[in-house]
N, C-alpha and C. Protein backbone atom coordinates (compact mmCIF):
# COMPACT_ATOMS: atom_id res chain seq x y z
N MET A 1 75.91 111.73 139.06
CA MET A 1 77.23 111.46 138.53
C MET A 1 78.11 110.99 139.67
N THR A 2 78.82 109.89 139.47
CA THR A 2 79.63 109.34 140.54
C THR A 2 81.07 109.19 140.11
N GLY A 3 82.01 109.43 141.02
CA GLY A 3 83.42 109.19 140.79
C GLY A 3 83.94 109.72 139.48
N THR A 4 84.49 108.79 138.68
CA THR A 4 85.12 109.17 137.42
C THR A 4 84.18 109.02 136.23
N THR A 5 82.92 108.72 136.46
CA THR A 5 81.96 108.57 135.38
C THR A 5 81.66 109.93 134.78
N ARG A 6 81.90 110.06 133.46
CA ARG A 6 81.59 111.35 132.84
C ARG A 6 80.12 111.37 132.45
N PRO A 7 79.55 112.56 132.43
CA PRO A 7 78.14 112.66 132.03
C PRO A 7 77.95 112.17 130.59
N ASP A 8 76.77 111.67 130.30
CA ASP A 8 76.53 111.20 128.94
C ASP A 8 76.31 112.39 127.99
N PHE A 9 76.21 112.09 126.72
CA PHE A 9 76.11 113.11 125.69
C PHE A 9 74.93 114.04 125.95
N GLU A 10 73.78 113.47 126.26
CA GLU A 10 72.59 114.28 126.47
C GLU A 10 72.74 115.22 127.67
N GLN A 11 73.36 114.73 128.73
CA GLN A 11 73.59 115.58 129.91
C GLN A 11 74.53 116.73 129.56
N GLN A 12 75.57 116.41 128.81
CA GLN A 12 76.53 117.44 128.43
C GLN A 12 75.89 118.48 127.50
N MET A 13 75.07 118.04 126.56
CA MET A 13 74.39 118.97 125.67
C MET A 13 73.40 119.83 126.46
N GLY A 14 72.74 119.24 127.44
CA GLY A 14 71.85 120.01 128.30
C GLY A 14 72.59 121.09 129.06
N ARG A 15 73.76 120.75 129.58
CA ARG A 15 74.57 121.75 130.29
C ARG A 15 75.04 122.84 129.33
N LEU A 16 75.42 122.45 128.11
CA LEU A 16 75.82 123.46 127.13
C LEU A 16 74.67 124.42 126.83
N ALA A 17 73.47 123.90 126.69
CA ALA A 17 72.30 124.74 126.43
C ALA A 17 72.08 125.70 127.60
N ALA A 18 72.27 125.21 128.83
CA ALA A 18 72.10 126.07 130.01
C ALA A 18 73.17 127.17 130.03
N ILE A 19 74.37 126.84 129.64
CA ILE A 19 75.44 127.83 129.59
C ILE A 19 75.10 128.92 128.57
N VAL A 20 74.64 128.51 127.40
CA VAL A 20 74.27 129.48 126.37
C VAL A 20 73.17 130.40 126.87
N ARG A 21 72.14 129.81 127.50
CA ARG A 21 71.05 130.63 128.03
C ARG A 21 71.57 131.64 129.05
N GLU A 22 72.43 131.17 129.95
CA GLU A 22 72.96 132.05 130.97
C GLU A 22 73.78 133.18 130.36
N LEU A 23 74.59 132.86 129.37
CA LEU A 23 75.39 133.89 128.71
C LEU A 23 74.52 134.90 127.96
N GLU A 24 73.44 134.43 127.37
CA GLU A 24 72.58 135.30 126.58
C GLU A 24 71.62 136.14 127.44
N GLU A 25 71.17 135.60 128.54
CA GLU A 25 70.09 136.23 129.28
C GLU A 25 70.52 137.02 130.50
N GLU A 26 71.71 136.85 130.98
CA GLU A 26 72.08 137.48 132.24
C GLU A 26 73.22 138.47 132.06
N ASP A 27 73.23 139.47 132.94
CA ASP A 27 74.31 140.44 133.00
C ASP A 27 75.35 139.86 133.95
N LEU A 28 76.38 139.26 133.38
CA LEU A 28 77.36 138.54 134.17
C LEU A 28 78.68 139.29 134.25
N SER A 29 79.42 139.01 135.29
CA SER A 29 80.76 139.59 135.43
C SER A 29 81.68 138.95 134.39
N LEU A 30 82.77 139.64 134.12
CA LEU A 30 83.76 139.12 133.19
C LEU A 30 84.25 137.74 133.65
N GLU A 31 84.49 137.61 134.94
CA GLU A 31 84.99 136.34 135.48
C GLU A 31 84.00 135.20 135.23
N ARG A 32 82.71 135.49 135.45
CA ARG A 32 81.68 134.46 135.23
C ARG A 32 81.58 134.10 133.75
N ASN A 33 81.65 135.12 132.89
CA ASN A 33 81.63 134.86 131.44
C ASN A 33 82.79 133.97 131.02
N VAL A 34 83.97 134.27 131.52
CA VAL A 34 85.16 133.48 131.17
C VAL A 34 85.02 132.06 131.70
N ALA A 35 84.53 131.91 132.94
CA ALA A 35 84.35 130.58 133.52
C ALA A 35 83.36 129.76 132.70
N LEU A 36 82.25 130.38 132.30
CA LEU A 36 81.26 129.67 131.49
C LEU A 36 81.82 129.31 130.12
N TYR A 37 82.58 130.22 129.53
CA TYR A 37 83.21 129.95 128.23
C TYR A 37 84.14 128.74 128.34
N LYS A 38 84.98 128.72 129.37
CA LYS A 38 85.91 127.60 129.54
C LYS A 38 85.16 126.29 129.74
N GLU A 39 84.13 126.31 130.58
CA GLU A 39 83.34 125.10 130.81
C GLU A 39 82.69 124.64 129.51
N GLY A 40 82.15 125.58 128.75
CA GLY A 40 81.52 125.25 127.48
C GLY A 40 82.50 124.65 126.50
N LYS A 41 83.69 125.21 126.44
CA LYS A 41 84.72 124.70 125.52
C LYS A 41 85.09 123.26 125.85
N ILE A 42 85.21 122.97 127.14
CA ILE A 42 85.51 121.60 127.57
C ILE A 42 84.36 120.66 127.19
N LEU A 43 83.13 121.10 127.41
CA LEU A 43 81.97 120.28 127.07
C LEU A 43 81.88 120.04 125.57
N VAL A 44 82.15 121.05 124.76
CA VAL A 44 82.12 120.89 123.30
C VAL A 44 83.12 119.83 122.87
N GLN A 45 84.34 119.90 123.41
CA GLN A 45 85.35 118.91 123.03
C GLN A 45 84.93 117.50 123.47
N SER A 46 84.36 117.39 124.66
CA SER A 46 83.91 116.10 125.15
C SER A 46 82.79 115.54 124.26
N CYS A 47 81.84 116.41 123.88
CA CYS A 47 80.75 115.97 123.00
C CYS A 47 81.28 115.55 121.64
N ARG A 48 82.24 116.29 121.11
CA ARG A 48 82.85 115.93 119.82
C ARG A 48 83.49 114.54 119.91
N THR A 49 84.18 114.29 121.02
CA THR A 49 84.82 112.99 121.22
C THR A 49 83.78 111.88 121.28
N LEU A 50 82.70 112.11 122.03
CA LEU A 50 81.64 111.10 122.12
C LEU A 50 81.00 110.85 120.76
N LEU A 51 80.77 111.91 120.00
CA LEU A 51 80.19 111.74 118.65
C LEU A 51 81.13 110.97 117.74
N GLU A 52 82.41 111.28 117.81
CA GLU A 52 83.38 110.58 116.97
C GLU A 52 83.46 109.10 117.35
N GLU A 53 83.44 108.81 118.65
CA GLU A 53 83.46 107.42 119.11
C GLU A 53 82.22 106.67 118.61
N ALA A 54 81.06 107.31 118.72
CA ALA A 54 79.81 106.68 118.26
C ALA A 54 79.85 106.47 116.75
N ARG A 55 80.31 107.46 116.01
CA ARG A 55 80.42 107.36 114.55
C ARG A 55 81.33 106.20 114.16
N ASN A 56 82.48 106.12 114.81
CA ASN A 56 83.43 105.04 114.50
C ASN A 56 82.82 103.67 114.80
N GLU A 57 82.10 103.56 115.89
CA GLU A 57 81.47 102.29 116.25
C GLU A 57 80.43 101.89 115.22
N VAL A 58 79.60 102.86 114.82
CA VAL A 58 78.57 102.56 113.82
C VAL A 58 79.21 102.11 112.51
N LEU A 59 80.22 102.84 112.06
CA LEU A 59 80.88 102.47 110.80
C LEU A 59 81.57 101.11 110.92
N PHE A 60 82.18 100.85 112.06
CA PHE A 60 82.84 99.57 112.26
C PHE A 60 81.82 98.43 112.22
N ARG A 61 80.72 98.61 112.93
CA ARG A 61 79.70 97.56 112.98
C ARG A 61 78.97 97.40 111.64
N ALA A 62 78.95 98.45 110.87
CA ALA A 62 78.32 98.38 109.55
C ALA A 62 79.24 97.74 108.52
N GLY A 63 80.47 97.40 108.95
CA GLY A 63 81.40 96.73 108.05
C GLY A 63 82.09 97.66 107.08
N GLU A 64 82.26 98.90 107.48
CA GLU A 64 82.90 99.86 106.60
C GLU A 64 84.42 99.72 106.59
N GLY A 65 84.94 98.79 107.34
CA GLY A 65 86.38 98.55 107.29
C GLY A 65 87.15 99.39 108.28
N ASP A 66 88.14 100.12 107.76
CA ASP A 66 89.06 100.88 108.59
C ASP A 66 88.34 101.97 109.38
N VAL A 67 89.01 102.41 110.42
CA VAL A 67 88.50 103.52 111.20
C VAL A 67 88.49 104.75 110.31
N PRO A 68 87.40 105.48 110.27
CA PRO A 68 87.30 106.64 109.38
C PRO A 68 88.16 107.80 109.84
N ASP A 69 88.31 108.76 108.95
CA ASP A 69 89.01 109.99 109.30
C ASP A 69 88.27 110.67 110.44
N PRO A 70 89.00 111.39 111.29
CA PRO A 70 88.34 112.10 112.39
C PRO A 70 87.43 113.20 111.85
N LEU A 71 86.48 113.60 112.69
CA LEU A 71 85.60 114.71 112.32
C LEU A 71 86.43 115.97 112.15
N PRO A 72 86.06 116.85 111.24
CA PRO A 72 86.83 118.09 111.06
C PRO A 72 86.73 118.97 112.30
N GLU A 73 87.82 119.65 112.60
CA GLU A 73 87.83 120.56 113.76
C GLU A 73 86.96 121.76 113.45
N GLU A 74 86.31 122.27 114.49
CA GLU A 74 85.49 123.45 114.31
C GLU A 74 86.40 124.67 114.15
N GLU A 75 85.92 125.64 113.41
CA GLU A 75 86.68 126.87 113.25
C GLU A 75 86.57 127.69 114.51
N THR A 76 87.69 128.32 114.89
CA THR A 76 87.67 129.17 116.07
C THR A 76 87.51 130.61 115.63
N ALA A 77 86.76 131.34 116.42
CA ALA A 77 86.50 132.75 116.07
C ALA A 77 87.60 133.63 116.55
């Protein structure tokens, strides 16, 4: 990863999977848990944005006309 280039979708999903594994498998401090949660939340939002951009591009190229409604927000626990 260089400069301002953000990781691609697959890289971000891989990092999310690693975060989940770390949270599930390790006895972590509260600070580490919070840091991983925050990082995961940022990655989820970034992935959602990438998916929405890809969806809009596909629909646009397929001739569906207007930009579609945004993806529904995930429910927060």
